[in-house]
Amino acid sequence: MEFLLIWVLAGDVIDSGLRYQTAAKCFSEAQNSASEMRDVGLSAPQFTCLPIAKDKNFKIYRQNSSNSRFPF
């Protein structure tokens, strides 16, 4: 089992591509990244660490939003 770091930006889920052996390592790396972003004046996004089987892809499914200007 691996843990995949997922960033959440304005309601969209972004696969960071970063995988960790433990949830603790995933969480601490995300916290460090967020801290570094704040240090340079950026607003850090929300994040979560998802358990995922090794060598499996994470697929994102979005519901079409009728108020979006973009078709995807």
Protein backbone atom coordinates (compact mmCIF):
# COMPACT_ATOMS: atom_id res chain seq x y z
CA MET A 1 0.00 0.00 0.00
CA GLU A 2 1.21 3.47 -0.88
CA PHE A 3 -0.22 6.87 -0.07
CA LEU A 4 -0.82 9.40 -2.83
CA LEU A 5 -0.69 13.11 -2.07
CA ILE A 6 -3.72 14.90 -3.55
CA TRP A 7 -4.04 18.70 -3.65
CA VAL A 8 -7.46 20.37 -3.71
CA LEU A 9 -7.51 23.71 -5.55
CA ALA A 10 -10.79 25.64 -5.87
CA GLY A 11 -12.78 22.43 -5.65
CA ASP A 12 -10.65 20.60 -8.23
CA VAL A 13 -8.62 17.55 -7.28
CA ILE A 14 -5.04 17.46 -8.55
CA ASP A 15 -2.90 14.33 -8.47
CA SER A 16 0.53 15.43 -7.26
CA GLY A 17 2.10 12.22 -8.52
CA LEU A 18 3.92 11.96 -5.21
CA ARG A 19 3.62 8.60 -3.45
CA TYR A 20 4.81 7.67 0.03
CA GLN A 21 5.23 4.45 1.97
CA THR A 22 3.31 5.69 5.02
CA ALA A 23 0.47 8.11 5.68
CA ALA A 24 2.67 9.94 8.21
CA LYS A 25 5.36 10.61 5.60
CA CYS A 26 2.74 11.76 3.09
CA PHE A 27 1.17 14.12 5.61
CA SER A 28 4.49 15.56 6.83
CA GLU A 29 5.71 16.20 3.26
CA ALA A 30 2.43 17.96 2.44
CA GLN A 31 2.72 20.09 5.58
CA ASN A 32 6.32 21.01 4.69
CA SER A 33 5.31 21.99 1.15
CA ALA A 34 2.43 24.11 2.45
CA SER A 35 4.76 25.81 4.93
CA GLU A 36 7.27 26.62 2.19
CA MET A 37 4.49 28.07 0.04
CA ARG A 38 3.32 30.31 2.88
CA ASP A 39 6.92 31.43 3.51
CA VAL A 40 7.08 32.92 0.00
CA GLY A 41 3.64 34.51 0.24
CA LEU A 42 1.54 31.89 -1.54
CA SER A 43 -1.70 30.51 -0.22
CA ALA A 44 -1.28 26.77 0.34
CA PRO A 45 -4.02 24.53 -1.07
CA GLN A 46 -5.83 21.91 0.94
CA PHE A 47 -4.50 18.39 0.68
CA THR A 48 -5.26 14.82 1.56
CA CYS A 49 -3.33 11.57 1.43
CA LEU A 50 -5.16 8.65 -0.18
CA PRO A 51 -4.21 5.01 0.23
CA ILE A 52 -3.71 3.41 -3.15
CA ALA A 53 -2.34 0.05 -4.26
CA LYS A 54 1.18 0.03 -5.70
CA ASP A 55 1.39 0.54 -9.46
CA LYS A 56 -2.27 1.60 -9.67
CA ASN A 57 -3.33 4.84 -11.33
CA PHE A 58 -5.54 7.41 -9.67
CA LYS A 59 -8.39 8.53 -11.91
CA ILE A 60 -10.30 11.73 -11.42
CA TYR A 61 -13.94 11.90 -12.44
CA ARG A 62 -15.53 15.34 -12.58
CA GLN A 63 -19.19 16.15 -12.78
CA ASN A 64 -19.90 18.66 -15.53
CA SER A 65 -20.68 22.01 -13.99
CA SER A 66 -23.36 23.97 -15.82
CA ASN A 67 -21.94 27.31 -14.67
CA SER A 68 -18.44 26.62 -16.02
CA ARG A 69 -17.15 28.44 -19.08
CA PHE A 70 -15.03 25.43 -19.94
CA PRO A 71 -16.39 22.16 -21.39
CA PHE A 72 -14.11 19.95 -19.31
